[in-house]
N, C-alpha and C. Protein backbone atom coordinates (compact mmCIF):
# COMPACT_ATOMS: atom_id res chain seq x y z
N MET A 1 4.57 -17.44 -1.26
CA MET A 1 4.98 -16.06 -1.55
C MET A 1 6.28 -16.09 -2.35
N ARG A 2 6.34 -15.30 -3.44
CA ARG A 2 7.57 -15.24 -4.20
C ARG A 2 8.69 -14.74 -3.32
N SER A 3 9.92 -15.14 -3.61
CA SER A 3 11.05 -14.83 -2.73
C SER A 3 11.26 -13.34 -2.61
N THR A 4 11.44 -12.85 -1.39
CA THR A 4 11.81 -11.46 -1.18
C THR A 4 13.29 -11.29 -1.47
N ILE A 5 13.74 -10.04 -1.52
CA ILE A 5 15.17 -9.79 -1.73
C ILE A 5 16.00 -10.47 -0.65
N ARG A 6 15.54 -10.44 0.61
CA ARG A 6 16.30 -11.10 1.67
C ARG A 6 16.48 -12.58 1.37
N HIS A 7 15.38 -13.23 0.94
CA HIS A 7 15.48 -14.66 0.66
C HIS A 7 16.41 -14.94 -0.51
N LEU A 8 16.35 -14.06 -1.53
CA LEU A 8 17.21 -14.27 -2.69
C LEU A 8 18.68 -14.07 -2.34
N LEU A 9 18.95 -13.06 -1.52
CA LEU A 9 20.33 -12.85 -1.10
C LEU A 9 20.84 -14.03 -0.28
N ALA A 10 19.96 -14.56 0.57
CA ALA A 10 20.36 -15.69 1.39
C ALA A 10 20.66 -16.92 0.55
N SER A 11 20.01 -17.00 -0.62
CA SER A 11 20.23 -18.17 -1.47
C SER A 11 21.39 -17.97 -2.42
N GLY A 12 22.07 -16.81 -2.34
CA GLY A 12 23.29 -16.61 -3.13
C GLY A 12 23.11 -15.79 -4.38
N VAL A 13 21.90 -15.25 -4.63
CA VAL A 13 21.71 -14.42 -5.81
C VAL A 13 22.36 -13.07 -5.57
N LEU A 14 23.05 -12.56 -6.56
CA LEU A 14 23.79 -11.32 -6.38
C LEU A 14 22.85 -10.14 -6.21
N GLY A 15 23.07 -9.36 -5.15
CA GLY A 15 22.26 -8.18 -4.89
C GLY A 15 22.35 -7.17 -6.01
N VAL A 16 23.52 -7.07 -6.66
CA VAL A 16 23.69 -6.11 -7.74
C VAL A 16 22.72 -6.40 -8.87
N ALA A 17 22.57 -7.69 -9.18
CA ALA A 17 21.66 -8.07 -10.26
C ALA A 17 20.24 -7.70 -9.92
N LEU A 18 19.85 -7.87 -8.66
CA LEU A 18 18.48 -7.56 -8.25
C LEU A 18 18.21 -6.07 -8.34
N VAL A 19 19.15 -5.25 -7.90
CA VAL A 19 18.96 -3.81 -7.99
C VAL A 19 18.84 -3.39 -9.44
N ALA A 20 19.66 -3.96 -10.30
CA ALA A 20 19.62 -3.61 -11.71
C ALA A 20 18.28 -3.96 -12.32
N THR A 21 17.66 -5.06 -11.88
CA THR A 21 16.39 -5.47 -12.43
C THR A 21 15.32 -4.41 -12.27
N ALA A 22 15.35 -3.66 -11.16
CA ALA A 22 14.29 -2.73 -10.84
C ALA A 22 14.65 -1.27 -11.10
N LEU A 23 15.74 -1.02 -11.81
CA LEU A 23 16.21 0.34 -12.00
C LEU A 23 15.18 1.31 -12.57
N PRO A 24 14.27 0.91 -13.48
CA PRO A 24 13.33 1.89 -14.00
C PRO A 24 12.43 2.50 -12.93
N ALA A 25 12.24 1.81 -11.80
CA ALA A 25 11.27 2.27 -10.81
C ALA A 25 11.90 2.76 -9.52
N GLN A 26 13.22 2.78 -9.41
CA GLN A 26 13.78 3.04 -8.11
C GLN A 26 15.14 3.72 -8.17
N ALA A 27 15.54 4.28 -7.03
CA ALA A 27 16.89 4.80 -6.87
C ALA A 27 17.42 4.25 -5.56
N ALA A 28 18.56 3.61 -5.61
CA ALA A 28 19.05 2.90 -4.44
C ALA A 28 19.61 3.86 -3.39
N THR A 29 19.46 3.50 -2.12
CA THR A 29 20.14 4.17 -1.03
C THR A 29 20.90 3.11 -0.27
N THR A 30 21.61 3.52 0.77
CA THR A 30 22.40 2.55 1.52
C THR A 30 21.52 1.62 2.32
N SER A 31 20.29 2.04 2.63
CA SER A 31 19.47 1.24 3.52
C SER A 31 18.14 0.80 2.95
N ALA A 32 17.73 1.35 1.82
CA ALA A 32 16.41 1.03 1.30
C ALA A 32 16.35 1.26 -0.20
N VAL A 33 15.37 0.64 -0.82
CA VAL A 33 15.05 0.90 -2.22
C VAL A 33 14.01 2.02 -2.25
N VAL A 34 14.22 3.01 -3.10
CA VAL A 34 13.34 4.17 -3.16
C VAL A 34 12.53 4.12 -4.45
N PHE A 35 11.21 4.24 -4.30
CA PHE A 35 10.31 4.27 -5.46
C PHE A 35 9.59 5.60 -5.51
N ASN A 36 9.51 6.20 -6.69
CA ASN A 36 8.65 7.37 -6.89
C ASN A 36 7.73 7.21 -8.09
N THR A 37 7.86 6.11 -8.81
CA THR A 37 6.96 5.76 -9.91
C THR A 37 6.77 4.24 -9.89
N GLY A 38 5.89 3.77 -10.75
CA GLY A 38 5.74 2.33 -10.94
C GLY A 38 4.49 1.75 -10.30
N HIS A 39 4.15 0.57 -10.78
CA HIS A 39 2.99 -0.17 -10.28
C HIS A 39 3.45 -0.98 -9.07
N LEU A 40 3.02 -0.54 -7.89
CA LEU A 40 3.42 -1.19 -6.64
C LEU A 40 2.20 -1.61 -5.86
N ASP A 41 2.16 -2.86 -5.43
CA ASP A 41 1.20 -3.26 -4.41
C ASP A 41 1.79 -2.83 -3.07
N LEU A 42 1.29 -1.71 -2.55
CA LEU A 42 1.83 -1.19 -1.29
C LEU A 42 1.52 -2.13 -0.14
N VAL A 43 0.43 -2.86 -0.27
CA VAL A 43 0.10 -3.92 0.68
C VAL A 43 -0.11 -5.19 -0.11
N ASP A 44 0.79 -6.14 0.06
CA ASP A 44 0.72 -7.44 -0.62
C ASP A 44 0.66 -8.50 0.48
N VAL A 45 -0.52 -9.10 0.66
CA VAL A 45 -0.74 -10.05 1.75
C VAL A 45 -0.59 -11.48 1.22
N ALA A 46 0.18 -12.28 1.94
CA ALA A 46 0.39 -13.67 1.57
C ALA A 46 0.24 -14.55 2.81
N TYR A 47 -0.05 -15.83 2.59
CA TYR A 47 -0.17 -16.79 3.69
C TYR A 47 0.76 -17.95 3.37
N GLU A 48 1.72 -18.17 4.25
CA GLU A 48 2.74 -19.18 4.00
C GLU A 48 3.14 -19.84 5.31
N ALA A 49 3.15 -21.17 5.31
CA ALA A 49 3.58 -21.94 6.48
C ALA A 49 2.86 -21.51 7.76
N GLY A 50 1.55 -21.28 7.62
CA GLY A 50 0.76 -20.93 8.78
C GLY A 50 0.86 -19.49 9.23
N THR A 51 1.50 -18.64 8.42
CA THR A 51 1.73 -17.25 8.81
C THR A 51 1.23 -16.29 7.75
N LEU A 52 0.50 -15.26 8.18
CA LEU A 52 0.15 -14.17 7.28
C LEU A 52 1.31 -13.18 7.23
N GLU A 53 1.64 -12.72 6.03
CA GLU A 53 2.74 -11.78 5.84
C GLU A 53 2.26 -10.59 5.04
N VAL A 54 2.80 -9.42 5.35
CA VAL A 54 2.50 -8.20 4.60
C VAL A 54 3.80 -7.66 4.03
N GLY A 55 3.85 -7.47 2.73
CA GLY A 55 5.03 -6.91 2.08
C GLY A 55 4.62 -5.93 1.00
N ILE A 56 5.59 -5.54 0.18
CA ILE A 56 5.39 -4.65 -0.96
C ILE A 56 5.83 -5.39 -2.21
N HIS A 57 4.99 -5.36 -3.24
CA HIS A 57 5.32 -6.06 -4.48
C HIS A 57 5.49 -5.05 -5.61
N ASP A 58 6.67 -5.05 -6.21
CA ASP A 58 6.95 -4.26 -7.41
C ASP A 58 6.40 -5.05 -8.59
N GLU A 59 5.22 -4.67 -9.05
CA GLU A 59 4.56 -5.40 -10.13
C GLU A 59 5.31 -5.28 -11.45
N ASP A 60 5.96 -4.15 -11.69
CA ASP A 60 6.64 -3.94 -12.97
C ASP A 60 7.80 -4.90 -13.15
N ASN A 61 8.50 -5.21 -12.05
CA ASN A 61 9.69 -6.06 -12.13
C ASN A 61 9.53 -7.39 -11.41
N ASP A 62 8.33 -7.63 -10.86
CA ASP A 62 8.01 -8.87 -10.15
C ASP A 62 9.04 -9.17 -9.06
N VAL A 63 9.25 -8.17 -8.20
CA VAL A 63 10.15 -8.30 -7.06
C VAL A 63 9.38 -7.97 -5.79
N GLU A 64 9.59 -8.76 -4.75
CA GLU A 64 8.93 -8.51 -3.47
C GLU A 64 9.93 -8.00 -2.44
N TYR A 65 9.42 -7.12 -1.57
CA TYR A 65 10.24 -6.52 -0.52
C TYR A 65 9.49 -6.57 0.80
N GLY A 66 10.26 -6.61 1.89
CA GLY A 66 9.68 -6.30 3.18
C GLY A 66 9.41 -4.81 3.24
N THR A 67 8.42 -4.40 4.02
CA THR A 67 8.10 -2.98 4.07
C THR A 67 9.26 -2.15 4.61
N ASP A 68 10.13 -2.77 5.41
CA ASP A 68 11.28 -2.03 5.94
C ASP A 68 12.41 -1.89 4.93
N GLU A 69 12.26 -2.48 3.75
CA GLU A 69 13.28 -2.38 2.71
C GLU A 69 12.99 -1.28 1.70
N VAL A 70 11.88 -0.57 1.86
CA VAL A 70 11.40 0.35 0.83
C VAL A 70 11.08 1.72 1.41
N LYS A 71 11.41 2.76 0.65
CA LYS A 71 10.93 4.11 0.92
C LYS A 71 10.10 4.56 -0.29
N LEU A 72 8.95 5.14 -0.01
CA LEU A 72 8.00 5.52 -1.05
C LEU A 72 7.94 7.04 -1.13
N VAL A 73 8.13 7.58 -2.33
CA VAL A 73 8.16 9.03 -2.52
C VAL A 73 6.92 9.45 -3.29
N VAL A 74 6.19 10.39 -2.71
CA VAL A 74 5.04 11.01 -3.37
C VAL A 74 5.52 12.33 -3.95
N LYS A 75 5.61 12.42 -5.26
CA LYS A 75 6.17 13.61 -5.91
C LYS A 75 5.27 14.84 -5.71
N GLY A 76 5.90 16.01 -5.85
CA GLY A 76 5.15 17.25 -5.78
C GLY A 76 4.05 17.34 -6.81
N GLN A 77 4.25 16.69 -7.97
CA GLN A 77 3.23 16.77 -9.02
C GLN A 77 1.97 15.97 -8.68
N ALA A 78 2.00 15.23 -7.57
CA ALA A 78 0.79 14.54 -7.11
C ALA A 78 -0.18 15.49 -6.42
N ARG A 79 0.24 16.73 -6.21
CA ARG A 79 -0.60 17.69 -5.48
C ARG A 79 -1.73 18.20 -6.37
N VAL A 80 -2.95 18.10 -5.85
CA VAL A 80 -4.14 18.52 -6.58
C VAL A 80 -5.08 19.26 -5.63
N THR A 81 -6.03 19.99 -6.19
CA THR A 81 -7.06 20.65 -5.40
C THR A 81 -8.18 19.66 -5.11
N VAL A 82 -8.67 19.67 -3.90
CA VAL A 82 -9.79 18.81 -3.54
C VAL A 82 -10.98 19.15 -4.44
N PRO A 83 -11.63 18.13 -5.04
CA PRO A 83 -12.77 18.42 -5.90
C PRO A 83 -13.84 19.27 -5.21
N ALA A 84 -14.47 20.13 -5.98
CA ALA A 84 -15.48 21.04 -5.43
C ALA A 84 -16.81 20.32 -5.29
N ASP A 85 -16.80 19.31 -4.43
CA ASP A 85 -17.98 18.47 -4.21
C ASP A 85 -17.99 18.14 -2.72
N PRO A 86 -19.11 18.38 -2.02
CA PRO A 86 -19.15 18.09 -0.59
C PRO A 86 -18.80 16.66 -0.22
N ALA A 87 -18.93 15.73 -1.16
CA ALA A 87 -18.60 14.33 -0.88
C ALA A 87 -17.11 14.16 -0.59
N TYR A 88 -16.30 15.14 -0.99
CA TYR A 88 -14.85 15.06 -0.77
C TYR A 88 -14.39 15.85 0.45
N ALA A 89 -15.29 16.22 1.32
CA ALA A 89 -14.93 17.01 2.49
C ALA A 89 -13.98 16.27 3.42
N PHE A 90 -13.93 14.94 3.32
CA PHE A 90 -12.99 14.18 4.15
C PHE A 90 -11.54 14.49 3.80
N LEU A 91 -11.29 15.11 2.64
CA LEU A 91 -9.93 15.47 2.23
C LEU A 91 -9.56 16.90 2.63
N GLY A 92 -10.55 17.70 3.00
CA GLY A 92 -10.32 19.11 3.30
C GLY A 92 -11.49 19.92 2.79
N THR A 93 -11.25 21.20 2.56
CA THR A 93 -12.33 22.07 2.06
C THR A 93 -12.50 21.88 0.56
N PRO A 94 -13.65 21.38 0.11
CA PRO A 94 -13.85 21.15 -1.33
C PRO A 94 -13.61 22.41 -2.15
N GLY A 95 -12.84 22.25 -3.22
CA GLY A 95 -12.55 23.35 -4.12
C GLY A 95 -11.49 24.31 -3.63
N VAL A 96 -10.97 24.09 -2.40
CA VAL A 96 -10.01 25.02 -1.81
C VAL A 96 -8.73 24.32 -1.37
N SER A 97 -8.87 23.31 -0.52
CA SER A 97 -7.70 22.61 0.03
C SER A 97 -6.95 21.85 -1.06
N THR A 98 -5.68 21.59 -0.79
CA THR A 98 -4.90 20.75 -1.69
C THR A 98 -4.44 19.50 -0.96
N VAL A 99 -4.28 18.43 -1.73
CA VAL A 99 -3.81 17.15 -1.21
C VAL A 99 -2.88 16.53 -2.24
N TRP A 100 -2.07 15.60 -1.77
CA TRP A 100 -1.18 14.84 -2.65
C TRP A 100 -1.79 13.45 -2.82
N VAL A 101 -2.09 13.08 -4.06
CA VAL A 101 -2.84 11.85 -4.31
C VAL A 101 -2.03 10.89 -5.19
N LEU A 102 -1.79 9.69 -4.65
CA LEU A 102 -1.35 8.57 -5.50
C LEU A 102 -2.62 7.95 -6.05
N PRO A 103 -2.82 7.98 -7.38
CA PRO A 103 -4.17 7.77 -7.91
C PRO A 103 -4.55 6.30 -8.15
N GLN A 104 -5.86 6.11 -8.07
CA GLN A 104 -6.46 4.81 -8.37
C GLN A 104 -6.26 4.43 -9.83
N ILE A 105 -6.34 5.41 -10.72
CA ILE A 105 -6.11 5.21 -12.15
C ILE A 105 -4.65 5.53 -12.45
N GLN A 106 -3.99 4.67 -13.19
CA GLN A 106 -2.55 4.79 -13.36
C GLN A 106 -2.12 6.11 -13.99
N ASN A 107 -1.14 6.73 -13.36
CA ASN A 107 -0.39 7.87 -13.90
C ASN A 107 1.06 7.42 -13.88
N THR A 108 1.67 7.27 -15.03
CA THR A 108 3.01 6.68 -15.11
C THR A 108 4.08 7.55 -14.46
N ASN A 109 3.75 8.80 -14.13
CA ASN A 109 4.71 9.68 -13.47
C ASN A 109 4.70 9.54 -11.95
N LEU A 110 3.75 8.75 -11.43
CA LEU A 110 3.60 8.58 -9.99
C LEU A 110 3.53 7.11 -9.64
N ILE A 111 3.65 6.79 -8.36
CA ILE A 111 3.39 5.44 -7.90
C ILE A 111 1.91 5.12 -8.13
N TRP A 112 1.65 3.92 -8.67
CA TRP A 112 0.28 3.43 -8.84
C TRP A 112 0.03 2.40 -7.74
N PRO A 113 -0.68 2.77 -6.67
CA PRO A 113 -0.75 1.93 -5.49
C PRO A 113 -1.83 0.85 -5.55
N GLY A 114 -1.43 -0.39 -5.31
CA GLY A 114 -2.36 -1.50 -5.29
C GLY A 114 -2.50 -2.11 -3.91
N LEU A 115 -3.55 -2.89 -3.75
CA LEU A 115 -3.80 -3.71 -2.56
C LEU A 115 -4.03 -5.12 -3.07
N ALA A 116 -3.28 -6.09 -2.56
CA ALA A 116 -3.34 -7.41 -3.16
C ALA A 116 -3.36 -8.54 -2.13
N ALA A 117 -4.12 -9.59 -2.49
CA ALA A 117 -4.08 -10.85 -1.76
C ALA A 117 -4.01 -11.99 -2.78
N GLU A 118 -3.28 -11.74 -3.85
CA GLU A 118 -3.21 -12.67 -4.97
C GLU A 118 -2.54 -14.00 -4.60
N GLU A 119 -1.70 -13.96 -3.58
CA GLU A 119 -0.98 -15.18 -3.21
C GLU A 119 -1.71 -16.03 -2.18
N ILE A 120 -2.94 -15.65 -1.86
CA ILE A 120 -3.76 -16.45 -0.95
C ILE A 120 -4.73 -17.29 -1.77
N GLU A 121 -4.70 -18.59 -1.57
CA GLU A 121 -5.54 -19.49 -2.34
C GLU A 121 -6.98 -19.47 -1.84
N ALA A 122 -7.91 -19.70 -2.76
CA ALA A 122 -9.31 -19.80 -2.39
C ALA A 122 -9.51 -20.97 -1.43
N GLY A 123 -10.40 -20.77 -0.46
CA GLY A 123 -10.73 -21.83 0.47
C GLY A 123 -9.91 -21.86 1.73
N VAL A 124 -8.84 -21.10 1.80
CA VAL A 124 -7.98 -21.11 2.99
C VAL A 124 -8.65 -20.33 4.13
N PHE A 125 -9.21 -19.17 3.82
CA PHE A 125 -9.82 -18.32 4.84
C PHE A 125 -11.34 -18.30 4.67
N ALA A 126 -12.02 -18.19 5.79
CA ALA A 126 -13.48 -18.13 5.77
C ALA A 126 -13.94 -16.97 4.89
N GLY A 127 -14.89 -17.28 4.01
CA GLY A 127 -15.38 -16.25 3.11
C GLY A 127 -14.39 -15.80 2.07
N ASP A 128 -13.27 -16.52 1.96
CA ASP A 128 -12.19 -16.11 1.04
C ASP A 128 -11.81 -14.65 1.25
N ALA A 129 -11.73 -14.25 2.53
CA ALA A 129 -11.44 -12.86 2.84
C ALA A 129 -10.40 -12.74 3.94
N VAL A 130 -9.56 -11.72 3.82
CA VAL A 130 -8.68 -11.30 4.90
C VAL A 130 -8.93 -9.82 5.13
N THR A 131 -8.69 -9.39 6.35
CA THR A 131 -8.93 -8.01 6.72
C THR A 131 -7.61 -7.28 6.88
N LEU A 132 -7.49 -6.16 6.20
CA LEU A 132 -6.34 -5.28 6.36
C LEU A 132 -6.73 -4.16 7.31
N SER A 133 -5.99 -4.03 8.40
CA SER A 133 -6.24 -2.97 9.38
C SER A 133 -5.15 -1.91 9.26
N VAL A 134 -5.56 -0.68 9.00
CA VAL A 134 -4.63 0.45 9.07
C VAL A 134 -4.69 0.93 10.51
N GLN A 135 -3.61 0.67 11.24
CA GLN A 135 -3.64 0.86 12.68
C GLN A 135 -3.20 2.25 13.14
N SER A 136 -2.25 2.82 12.43
CA SER A 136 -1.78 4.15 12.83
C SER A 136 -1.14 4.87 11.66
N VAL A 137 -1.20 6.18 11.70
CA VAL A 137 -0.53 7.05 10.73
C VAL A 137 0.23 8.10 11.52
N ALA A 138 1.56 8.08 11.42
CA ALA A 138 2.40 9.06 12.10
C ALA A 138 3.00 9.98 11.06
N GLY A 139 2.75 11.26 11.19
CA GLY A 139 3.27 12.21 10.22
C GLY A 139 2.69 13.58 10.44
N PRO A 140 2.99 14.51 9.54
CA PRO A 140 2.55 15.89 9.73
C PRO A 140 1.08 16.12 9.41
N GLY A 141 0.45 15.17 8.74
CA GLY A 141 -0.94 15.34 8.35
C GLY A 141 -1.71 14.04 8.41
N GLN A 142 -2.74 13.97 7.60
CA GLN A 142 -3.65 12.84 7.60
C GLN A 142 -3.57 12.06 6.30
N LEU A 143 -3.98 10.80 6.37
CA LEU A 143 -4.04 9.92 5.21
C LEU A 143 -5.47 9.48 5.00
N ALA A 144 -5.92 9.51 3.75
CA ALA A 144 -7.19 8.91 3.37
C ALA A 144 -6.95 7.96 2.21
N ILE A 145 -7.57 6.80 2.28
CA ILE A 145 -7.56 5.84 1.17
C ILE A 145 -9.01 5.71 0.72
N TYR A 146 -9.23 5.90 -0.58
CA TYR A 146 -10.62 5.88 -1.06
C TYR A 146 -10.66 5.45 -2.52
N THR A 147 -11.81 4.97 -2.93
CA THR A 147 -12.04 4.65 -4.34
C THR A 147 -13.03 5.65 -4.92
N GLU A 148 -13.05 5.72 -6.25
CA GLU A 148 -14.02 6.55 -6.96
C GLU A 148 -14.74 5.70 -7.99
N ASN A 149 -16.04 5.89 -8.10
CA ASN A 149 -16.80 5.13 -9.09
C ASN A 149 -16.75 5.82 -10.45
N ALA A 150 -17.51 5.29 -11.40
CA ALA A 150 -17.44 5.78 -12.77
C ALA A 150 -17.88 7.23 -12.92
N VAL A 151 -18.69 7.73 -11.98
CA VAL A 151 -19.13 9.12 -12.06
C VAL A 151 -18.40 10.01 -11.06
N GLY A 152 -17.29 9.49 -10.51
CA GLY A 152 -16.43 10.31 -9.67
C GLY A 152 -16.85 10.47 -8.24
N GLN A 153 -17.74 9.62 -7.75
CA GLN A 153 -18.15 9.69 -6.35
C GLN A 153 -17.26 8.80 -5.48
N PRO A 154 -16.80 9.30 -4.34
CA PRO A 154 -15.84 8.54 -3.54
C PRO A 154 -16.49 7.59 -2.55
N THR A 155 -15.77 6.50 -2.27
CA THR A 155 -16.07 5.62 -1.15
C THR A 155 -14.84 5.61 -0.27
N VAL A 156 -14.96 6.07 0.97
CA VAL A 156 -13.82 6.17 1.86
C VAL A 156 -13.55 4.82 2.51
N LEU A 157 -12.33 4.34 2.37
CA LEU A 157 -11.91 3.07 2.98
C LEU A 157 -11.17 3.31 4.29
N VAL A 158 -10.33 4.33 4.30
CA VAL A 158 -9.53 4.67 5.47
C VAL A 158 -9.48 6.19 5.58
N ASP A 159 -9.67 6.71 6.80
CA ASP A 159 -9.53 8.14 7.04
C ASP A 159 -8.92 8.33 8.41
N SER A 160 -7.62 8.62 8.44
CA SER A 160 -6.96 8.79 9.74
C SER A 160 -7.47 10.03 10.46
N GLY A 161 -8.13 10.94 9.74
CA GLY A 161 -8.64 12.15 10.35
C GLY A 161 -9.80 11.93 11.29
N ASP A 162 -10.51 10.81 11.15
CA ASP A 162 -11.63 10.57 12.06
C ASP A 162 -11.39 9.38 12.98
N GLY A 163 -10.11 9.01 13.11
CA GLY A 163 -9.75 7.95 14.05
C GLY A 163 -9.41 6.63 13.39
N LEU A 164 -8.49 5.92 13.99
CA LEU A 164 -8.05 4.62 13.52
C LEU A 164 -8.13 3.63 14.69
N PRO A 165 -8.18 2.31 14.41
CA PRO A 165 -7.96 1.67 13.12
C PRO A 165 -9.18 1.71 12.21
N ASP A 166 -8.90 1.64 10.90
CA ASP A 166 -9.90 1.39 9.87
C ASP A 166 -9.53 0.10 9.16
N THR A 167 -10.51 -0.60 8.64
CA THR A 167 -10.24 -1.89 8.01
C THR A 167 -10.73 -1.94 6.57
N ILE A 168 -10.02 -2.70 5.76
CA ILE A 168 -10.36 -2.95 4.37
C ILE A 168 -10.40 -4.46 4.18
N THR A 169 -11.44 -4.97 3.55
CA THR A 169 -11.54 -6.40 3.27
C THR A 169 -10.93 -6.70 1.91
N LEU A 170 -9.99 -7.65 1.89
CA LEU A 170 -9.35 -8.10 0.66
C LEU A 170 -9.82 -9.51 0.34
N THR A 171 -10.04 -9.77 -0.94
CA THR A 171 -10.51 -11.08 -1.38
C THR A 171 -9.34 -11.96 -1.77
N ALA A 172 -9.35 -13.21 -1.31
CA ALA A 172 -8.29 -14.15 -1.67
C ALA A 172 -8.15 -14.21 -3.19
N GLY A 173 -6.91 -14.08 -3.65
CA GLY A 173 -6.63 -14.08 -5.08
C GLY A 173 -6.88 -12.76 -5.76
N GLY A 174 -7.31 -11.75 -5.00
CA GLY A 174 -7.71 -10.49 -5.59
C GLY A 174 -6.63 -9.42 -5.61
N HIS A 175 -6.89 -8.40 -6.40
CA HIS A 175 -5.97 -7.28 -6.60
C HIS A 175 -6.83 -6.07 -6.94
N THR A 176 -6.64 -4.98 -6.23
CA THR A 176 -7.44 -3.80 -6.49
C THR A 176 -6.59 -2.54 -6.32
N HIS A 177 -7.15 -1.42 -6.74
CA HIS A 177 -6.46 -0.14 -6.62
C HIS A 177 -7.36 0.88 -5.95
N ALA A 178 -6.73 1.83 -5.26
CA ALA A 178 -7.44 2.92 -4.59
C ALA A 178 -6.55 4.15 -4.59
N ASN A 179 -7.16 5.30 -4.31
CA ASN A 179 -6.42 6.54 -4.15
C ASN A 179 -5.85 6.62 -2.74
N TRP A 180 -4.59 7.05 -2.62
CA TRP A 180 -3.97 7.32 -1.33
C TRP A 180 -3.69 8.81 -1.28
N ALA A 181 -4.33 9.53 -0.35
CA ALA A 181 -4.23 10.99 -0.30
C ALA A 181 -3.62 11.45 1.02
N PHE A 182 -2.64 12.34 0.93
CA PHE A 182 -1.98 12.94 2.08
C PHE A 182 -2.26 14.44 2.05
N ASP A 183 -2.57 15.04 3.21
CA ASP A 183 -2.97 16.44 3.18
C ASP A 183 -1.86 17.42 3.52
N LYS A 184 -0.65 16.93 3.85
CA LYS A 184 0.49 17.80 4.09
C LYS A 184 1.76 17.13 3.58
N ALA A 185 2.73 17.95 3.20
CA ALA A 185 4.04 17.42 2.83
C ALA A 185 4.78 16.95 4.08
N GLY A 186 5.72 16.02 3.88
CA GLY A 186 6.51 15.53 5.00
C GLY A 186 6.64 14.02 4.99
N THR A 187 7.11 13.48 6.08
CA THR A 187 7.37 12.04 6.20
C THR A 187 6.27 11.38 7.03
N TYR A 188 5.78 10.26 6.50
CA TYR A 188 4.70 9.51 7.15
C TYR A 188 5.13 8.06 7.36
N CYS A 189 4.71 7.50 8.48
CA CYS A 189 4.82 6.06 8.73
C CYS A 189 3.42 5.52 8.93
N VAL A 190 3.03 4.58 8.08
CA VAL A 190 1.69 4.02 8.09
C VAL A 190 1.80 2.55 8.49
N THR A 191 1.24 2.20 9.63
CA THR A 191 1.36 0.84 10.15
C THR A 191 0.08 0.06 9.89
N VAL A 192 0.26 -1.11 9.27
CA VAL A 192 -0.87 -1.96 8.89
C VAL A 192 -0.67 -3.37 9.44
N ARG A 193 -1.79 -4.12 9.46
CA ARG A 193 -1.75 -5.49 9.93
C ARG A 193 -2.85 -6.26 9.21
N ALA A 194 -2.60 -7.52 8.87
CA ALA A 194 -3.60 -8.35 8.20
C ALA A 194 -4.08 -9.45 9.15
N ALA A 195 -5.35 -9.86 8.99
CA ALA A 195 -5.91 -10.92 9.82
C ALA A 195 -6.95 -11.68 9.01
N GLY A 196 -7.15 -12.94 9.38
CA GLY A 196 -8.17 -13.75 8.73
C GLY A 196 -8.50 -14.95 9.59
N THR A 197 -9.64 -15.56 9.32
CA THR A 197 -10.08 -16.74 10.05
C THR A 197 -9.94 -17.96 9.15
N LEU A 198 -9.18 -18.95 9.57
CA LEU A 198 -8.96 -20.14 8.76
C LEU A 198 -10.27 -20.90 8.59
N ALA A 199 -10.58 -21.25 7.35
CA ALA A 199 -11.84 -21.92 7.05
C ALA A 199 -11.92 -23.30 7.70
N ALA A 200 -10.80 -24.00 7.77
CA ALA A 200 -10.81 -25.39 8.25
C ALA A 200 -10.96 -25.50 9.75
N THR A 201 -10.41 -24.54 10.50
CA THR A 201 -10.36 -24.68 11.96
C THR A 201 -11.07 -23.57 12.72
N GLY A 202 -11.37 -22.47 12.06
CA GLY A 202 -11.95 -21.32 12.74
C GLY A 202 -10.93 -20.50 13.51
N GLN A 203 -9.66 -20.85 13.41
CA GLN A 203 -8.60 -20.12 14.10
C GLN A 203 -8.34 -18.79 13.42
N GLN A 204 -8.17 -17.74 14.21
CA GLN A 204 -7.80 -16.45 13.64
C GLN A 204 -6.28 -16.34 13.55
N VAL A 205 -5.82 -15.89 12.38
CA VAL A 205 -4.40 -15.71 12.12
C VAL A 205 -4.16 -14.23 11.88
N THR A 206 -3.13 -13.68 12.51
CA THR A 206 -2.83 -12.25 12.39
C THR A 206 -1.37 -12.07 12.03
N SER A 207 -1.09 -11.17 11.12
CA SER A 207 0.28 -10.88 10.73
C SER A 207 0.97 -10.03 11.77
N ASP A 208 2.29 -9.97 11.69
CA ASP A 208 3.02 -8.95 12.44
C ASP A 208 2.68 -7.58 11.85
N PRO A 209 2.75 -6.52 12.64
CA PRO A 209 2.55 -5.19 12.06
C PRO A 209 3.64 -4.86 11.05
N ALA A 210 3.28 -4.15 10.00
CA ALA A 210 4.22 -3.74 8.96
C ALA A 210 4.04 -2.25 8.75
N THR A 211 5.15 -1.53 8.58
CA THR A 211 5.09 -0.07 8.47
C THR A 211 5.58 0.39 7.11
N LEU A 212 4.73 1.12 6.42
CA LEU A 212 5.05 1.75 5.14
C LEU A 212 5.61 3.14 5.41
N ARG A 213 6.66 3.49 4.69
CA ARG A 213 7.31 4.80 4.89
C ARG A 213 7.18 5.65 3.63
N PHE A 214 6.55 6.82 3.79
CA PHE A 214 6.31 7.74 2.67
C PHE A 214 7.02 9.06 2.93
N THR A 215 7.55 9.65 1.85
CA THR A 215 8.00 11.03 1.88
C THR A 215 7.18 11.79 0.85
N VAL A 216 6.38 12.74 1.33
CA VAL A 216 5.53 13.55 0.46
C VAL A 216 6.26 14.86 0.19
N LYS A 217 6.57 15.11 -1.09
CA LYS A 217 7.35 16.27 -1.47
C LYS A 217 6.45 17.51 -1.64
N ALA A 218 6.94 18.63 -1.18
CA ALA A 218 6.18 19.88 -1.31
C ALA A 218 6.10 20.33 -2.77
């Protein structure tokens, strides 16, 4: 796994230089880096020294963070009306309800959310797969993570509205994008965990839980 900010600071790299590197995508606070735009792997799974780790990767500046080092802002302009198609009823009333969506297709004015296992080598885990479990969503509303195909039909990956945990399978070396939709403004904490079965031994390896923090603007 590429060095996180903590590791770089421990090795003597100046924190000021690191913050400056990522200025186009963030605004610093006393306790966290704040992102409201940019290409971010909100879940970046790595396997190092026998341990699965979950972090956040700023793809634009190639910087990695622990999830506790980052605050994610969903701008008000992410608010859209739920498509007038019954297939989208998991988001609310089609054609009526509104949701805030970080989109699968890049919009440079918003966070472009990715899911990645690029740092896991082929052959380490059985089936070259690790499982991401969304264990809980704490906040004023619900979270749905879903993809859309070429004709706009959704596949739901996670829906906190019908109960959790939900799981997503990530492929070793892979990187993908999905829509992240919130149905109310406010602050959310989304707790995730990664797991996989080692190909060589059959042992299951599980990460520590990691919590993503979102502020959805009205």
